[in-house]
Amino acid sequence: MANKSGATRLGFALMLKFFELEGRFPRREDVPKAAVDYVAGQVKVDAAQFAEYRWSGSTIEYHRAQIRRFHGFREPTVADEDKLTFWLADKI
């Protein structure tokens, strides 16, 4: 997070924590105001800047990739889907 500032820093921090707790990425409306206020204090960014965080585009895609990598996840592939299908057919 050292290379992020303002709305980008706050949005990234909130996405990182949400992913850690929920195992998925949030939508804007999933993030409670109390969480925004708390995390804003932790990362030393004005909570009002969260409204400026962009929820589409290359920046958020890059943030998601960074968070997945940090937690040891990756996006699923077609091969993963095939393996899951065979596993489900075998087990269920």
N, C-alpha and C. Protein backbone atom coordinates (compact mmCIF):
# COMPACT_ATOMS: atom_id res chain seq x y z
N MET A 1 0.82 -1.19 0.00
CA MET A 1 0.00 0.00 0.00
C MET A 1 0.86 1.26 0.00
N ALA A 2 2.13 1.09 0.12
CA ALA A 2 3.01 2.25 0.21
C ALA A 2 2.95 3.12 -1.05
N ASN A 3 2.66 2.53 -2.19
CA ASN A 3 2.64 3.30 -3.44
C ASN A 3 1.24 3.81 -3.80
N LYS A 4 0.30 3.71 -2.87
CA LYS A 4 -1.07 4.16 -3.14
C LYS A 4 -1.40 5.34 -2.22
N SER A 5 -2.26 6.22 -2.72
CA SER A 5 -2.64 7.37 -1.90
C SER A 5 -4.10 7.73 -2.15
N GLY A 6 -4.66 8.51 -1.25
CA GLY A 6 -6.01 9.02 -1.40
C GLY A 6 -7.06 7.94 -1.55
N ALA A 7 -7.99 8.17 -2.47
CA ALA A 7 -9.10 7.25 -2.69
C ALA A 7 -8.61 5.85 -3.08
N THR A 8 -7.52 5.80 -3.83
CA THR A 8 -6.97 4.51 -4.26
C THR A 8 -6.47 3.71 -3.06
N ARG A 9 -5.80 4.37 -2.15
CA ARG A 9 -5.29 3.70 -0.94
C ARG A 9 -6.45 3.18 -0.09
N LEU A 10 -7.46 4.01 0.11
CA LEU A 10 -8.60 3.63 0.93
C LEU A 10 -9.40 2.50 0.28
N GLY A 11 -9.68 2.63 -1.00
CA GLY A 11 -10.43 1.59 -1.70
C GLY A 11 -9.70 0.26 -1.68
N PHE A 12 -8.40 0.29 -1.92
CA PHE A 12 -7.60 -0.93 -1.90
C PHE A 12 -7.64 -1.58 -0.52
N ALA A 13 -7.45 -0.79 0.51
CA ALA A 13 -7.44 -1.31 1.88
C ALA A 13 -8.78 -1.96 2.23
N LEU A 14 -9.86 -1.31 1.84
CA LEU A 14 -11.19 -1.86 2.11
C LEU A 14 -11.43 -3.15 1.33
N MET A 15 -11.01 -3.18 0.08
CA MET A 15 -11.17 -4.41 -0.71
C MET A 15 -10.33 -5.55 -0.13
N LEU A 16 -9.12 -5.23 0.30
CA LEU A 16 -8.23 -6.23 0.88
C LEU A 16 -8.86 -6.84 2.13
N LYS A 17 -9.36 -6.01 3.01
CA LYS A 17 -9.96 -6.50 4.25
C LYS A 17 -11.27 -7.25 3.98
N PHE A 18 -12.08 -6.74 3.08
CA PHE A 18 -13.34 -7.41 2.75
C PHE A 18 -13.06 -8.79 2.19
N PHE A 19 -12.09 -8.89 1.28
CA PHE A 19 -11.74 -10.19 0.69
C PHE A 19 -11.24 -11.15 1.77
N GLU A 20 -10.45 -10.64 2.68
CA GLU A 20 -9.93 -11.46 3.77
C GLU A 20 -11.07 -12.02 4.64
N LEU A 21 -12.07 -11.21 4.89
CA LEU A 21 -13.18 -11.63 5.76
C LEU A 21 -14.27 -12.41 5.05
N GLU A 22 -14.59 -12.03 3.81
CA GLU A 22 -15.74 -12.59 3.11
C GLU A 22 -15.37 -13.58 2.00
N GLY A 23 -14.12 -13.58 1.56
CA GLY A 23 -13.70 -14.48 0.50
C GLY A 23 -14.21 -14.07 -0.88
N ARG A 24 -14.58 -12.83 -1.01
CA ARG A 24 -15.03 -12.28 -2.30
C ARG A 24 -14.78 -10.78 -2.28
N PHE A 25 -14.88 -10.20 -3.46
CA PHE A 25 -14.71 -8.75 -3.55
C PHE A 25 -16.05 -8.06 -3.35
N PRO A 26 -16.03 -6.90 -2.70
CA PRO A 26 -17.29 -6.20 -2.44
C PRO A 26 -17.77 -5.39 -3.64
N ARG A 27 -19.04 -5.09 -3.63
CA ARG A 27 -19.58 -4.02 -4.47
C ARG A 27 -19.58 -2.79 -3.58
N ARG A 28 -19.70 -1.64 -4.15
CA ARG A 28 -19.66 -0.41 -3.37
C ARG A 28 -20.65 -0.47 -2.20
N GLU A 29 -21.87 -0.93 -2.48
CA GLU A 29 -22.91 -0.94 -1.46
C GLU A 29 -22.69 -2.00 -0.37
N ASP A 30 -21.73 -2.90 -0.56
CA ASP A 30 -21.43 -3.92 0.43
C ASP A 30 -20.56 -3.40 1.57
N VAL A 31 -19.95 -2.24 1.38
CA VAL A 31 -18.99 -1.72 2.36
C VAL A 31 -19.71 -0.77 3.32
N PRO A 32 -19.86 -1.15 4.59
CA PRO A 32 -20.55 -0.30 5.55
C PRO A 32 -19.79 1.00 5.83
N LYS A 33 -20.52 2.06 6.08
CA LYS A 33 -19.91 3.36 6.36
C LYS A 33 -18.98 3.28 7.57
N ALA A 34 -19.37 2.50 8.56
CA ALA A 34 -18.52 2.36 9.75
C ALA A 34 -17.16 1.74 9.39
N ALA A 35 -17.17 0.80 8.45
CA ALA A 35 -15.92 0.19 8.01
C ALA A 35 -15.07 1.20 7.26
N VAL A 36 -15.72 2.01 6.41
CA VAL A 36 -15.00 3.05 5.66
C VAL A 36 -14.34 4.01 6.65
N ASP A 37 -15.11 4.45 7.63
CA ASP A 37 -14.58 5.39 8.62
C ASP A 37 -13.40 4.80 9.39
N TYR A 38 -13.54 3.56 9.81
CA TYR A 38 -12.49 2.91 10.59
C TYR A 38 -11.21 2.72 9.77
N VAL A 39 -11.36 2.14 8.58
CA VAL A 39 -10.19 1.87 7.74
C VAL A 39 -9.55 3.18 7.29
N ALA A 40 -10.35 4.20 7.01
CA ALA A 40 -9.80 5.51 6.63
C ALA A 40 -8.87 6.03 7.72
N GLY A 41 -9.25 5.85 8.96
CA GLY A 41 -8.38 6.25 10.07
C GLY A 41 -7.10 5.44 10.11
N GLN A 42 -7.21 4.16 9.80
CA GLN A 42 -6.03 3.28 9.81
C GLN A 42 -5.03 3.65 8.72
N VAL A 43 -5.54 4.00 7.53
CA VAL A 43 -4.64 4.29 6.41
C VAL A 43 -4.40 5.79 6.23
N LYS A 44 -4.97 6.57 7.15
CA LYS A 44 -4.77 8.02 7.18
C LYS A 44 -5.23 8.72 5.89
N VAL A 45 -6.47 8.40 5.50
CA VAL A 45 -7.11 9.02 4.33
C VAL A 45 -8.48 9.48 4.77
N ASP A 46 -8.92 10.64 4.30
CA ASP A 46 -10.25 11.14 4.61
C ASP A 46 -11.30 10.16 4.09
N ALA A 47 -12.22 9.75 4.95
CA ALA A 47 -13.25 8.77 4.58
C ALA A 47 -14.10 9.24 3.40
N ALA A 48 -14.26 10.54 3.24
CA ALA A 48 -15.06 11.08 2.13
C ALA A 48 -14.45 10.72 0.78
N GLN A 49 -13.17 10.43 0.74
CA GLN A 49 -12.51 10.09 -0.53
C GLN A 49 -12.96 8.74 -1.07
N PHE A 50 -13.58 7.92 -0.23
CA PHE A 50 -14.06 6.62 -0.71
C PHE A 50 -15.04 6.79 -1.86
N ALA A 51 -15.77 7.87 -1.87
CA ALA A 51 -16.73 8.14 -2.96
C ALA A 51 -16.03 8.31 -4.31
N GLU A 52 -14.75 8.63 -4.29
CA GLU A 52 -13.99 8.85 -5.52
C GLU A 52 -13.33 7.57 -6.04
N TYR A 53 -13.39 6.49 -5.27
CA TYR A 53 -12.76 5.24 -5.70
C TYR A 53 -13.50 4.70 -6.91
N ARG A 54 -12.76 4.35 -7.97
CA ARG A 54 -13.36 3.86 -9.22
C ARG A 54 -13.62 2.36 -9.13
N TRP A 55 -14.87 1.97 -9.37
CA TRP A 55 -15.29 0.58 -9.26
C TRP A 55 -15.29 -0.15 -10.59
N SER A 56 -14.74 0.46 -11.60
CA SER A 56 -14.57 -0.22 -12.88
C SER A 56 -13.30 0.31 -13.52
N GLY A 57 -12.75 -0.49 -14.41
CA GLY A 57 -11.55 -0.06 -15.11
C GLY A 57 -10.31 -0.83 -14.70
N SER A 58 -9.20 -0.40 -15.25
CA SER A 58 -7.95 -1.14 -15.06
C SER A 58 -7.42 -1.07 -13.63
N THR A 59 -7.67 0.02 -12.93
CA THR A 59 -7.14 0.15 -11.57
C THR A 59 -7.74 -0.89 -10.64
N ILE A 60 -9.05 -1.02 -10.64
CA ILE A 60 -9.67 -1.99 -9.73
C ILE A 60 -9.33 -3.42 -10.15
N GLU A 61 -9.20 -3.66 -11.45
CA GLU A 61 -8.79 -4.99 -11.90
C GLU A 61 -7.39 -5.32 -11.40
N TYR A 62 -6.50 -4.33 -11.43
CA TYR A 62 -5.14 -4.51 -10.93
C TYR A 62 -5.17 -4.74 -9.41
N HIS A 63 -6.00 -3.98 -8.70
CA HIS A 63 -6.12 -4.17 -7.26
C HIS A 63 -6.60 -5.59 -6.93
N ARG A 64 -7.60 -6.05 -7.67
CA ARG A 64 -8.10 -7.41 -7.43
C ARG A 64 -7.02 -8.44 -7.68
N ALA A 65 -6.24 -8.26 -8.73
CA ALA A 65 -5.15 -9.19 -9.03
C ALA A 65 -4.11 -9.18 -7.91
N GLN A 66 -3.78 -8.00 -7.40
CA GLN A 66 -2.82 -7.90 -6.29
C GLN A 66 -3.34 -8.62 -5.05
N ILE A 67 -4.61 -8.43 -4.74
CA ILE A 67 -5.20 -9.04 -3.56
C ILE A 67 -5.27 -10.56 -3.71
N ARG A 68 -5.68 -11.03 -4.89
CA ARG A 68 -5.70 -12.48 -5.13
C ARG A 68 -4.31 -13.07 -4.94
N ARG A 69 -3.33 -12.44 -5.55
CA ARG A 69 -1.95 -12.92 -5.46
C ARG A 69 -1.48 -12.94 -4.00
N PHE A 70 -1.78 -11.89 -3.25
CA PHE A 70 -1.38 -11.80 -1.85
C PHE A 70 -1.96 -12.96 -1.04
N HIS A 71 -3.20 -13.32 -1.32
CA HIS A 71 -3.87 -14.40 -0.59
C HIS A 71 -3.68 -15.77 -1.23
N GLY A 72 -2.93 -15.86 -2.30
CA GLY A 72 -2.65 -17.14 -2.93
C GLY A 72 -3.78 -17.68 -3.79
N PHE A 73 -4.62 -16.79 -4.30
CA PHE A 73 -5.73 -17.17 -5.18
C PHE A 73 -5.38 -16.80 -6.62
N ARG A 74 -6.13 -17.37 -7.54
CA ARG A 74 -6.05 -16.96 -8.93
C ARG A 74 -7.44 -17.09 -9.53
N GLU A 75 -7.65 -16.45 -10.67
CA GLU A 75 -8.95 -16.56 -11.33
C GLU A 75 -9.10 -17.99 -11.86
N PRO A 76 -10.30 -18.53 -11.78
CA PRO A 76 -10.50 -19.90 -12.28
C PRO A 76 -10.40 -19.96 -13.80
N THR A 77 -9.99 -21.12 -14.29
CA THR A 77 -9.85 -21.35 -15.73
C THR A 77 -10.90 -22.36 -16.18
N VAL A 78 -10.99 -22.56 -17.48
CA VAL A 78 -11.89 -23.58 -18.02
C VAL A 78 -11.44 -24.95 -17.54
N ALA A 79 -10.14 -25.17 -17.44
CA ALA A 79 -9.64 -26.45 -16.94
C ALA A 79 -10.09 -26.68 -15.50
N ASP A 80 -10.11 -25.62 -14.69
CA ASP A 80 -10.60 -25.74 -13.31
C ASP A 80 -12.08 -26.14 -13.31
N GLU A 81 -12.84 -25.54 -14.20
CA GLU A 81 -14.27 -25.85 -14.31
C GLU A 81 -14.47 -27.32 -14.68
N ASP A 82 -13.66 -27.81 -15.61
CA ASP A 82 -13.75 -29.21 -16.01
C ASP A 82 -13.43 -30.14 -14.84
N LYS A 83 -12.37 -29.82 -14.10
CA LYS A 83 -11.99 -30.64 -12.94
C LYS A 83 -13.11 -30.65 -11.90
N LEU A 84 -13.71 -29.49 -11.67
CA LEU A 84 -14.79 -29.40 -10.70
C LEU A 84 -15.99 -30.23 -11.15
N THR A 85 -16.30 -30.17 -12.43
CA THR A 85 -17.42 -30.94 -12.97
C THR A 85 -17.20 -32.44 -12.75
N PHE A 86 -16.00 -32.92 -13.06
CA PHE A 86 -15.70 -34.34 -12.88
C PHE A 86 -15.73 -34.71 -11.40
N TRP A 87 -15.20 -33.85 -10.56
CA TRP A 87 -15.19 -34.11 -9.12
C TRP A 87 -16.62 -34.20 -8.59
N LEU A 88 -17.46 -33.24 -8.98
CA LEU A 88 -18.85 -33.25 -8.53
C LEU A 88 -19.58 -34.50 -9.03
N ALA A 89 -19.37 -34.86 -10.29
CA ALA A 89 -20.02 -36.06 -10.84
C ALA A 89 -19.60 -37.31 -10.08
N ASP A 90 -18.34 -37.36 -9.67
CA ASP A 90 -17.82 -38.51 -8.96
C ASP A 90 -18.32 -38.55 -7.51
N LYS A 91 -18.39 -37.41 -6.86
CA LYS A 91 -18.70 -37.35 -5.43
C LYS A 91 -20.19 -37.25 -5.13
N ILE A 92 -20.96 -36.74 -6.05
CA ILE A 92 -22.37 -36.47 -5.74
C ILE A 92 -23.29 -37.34 -6.49
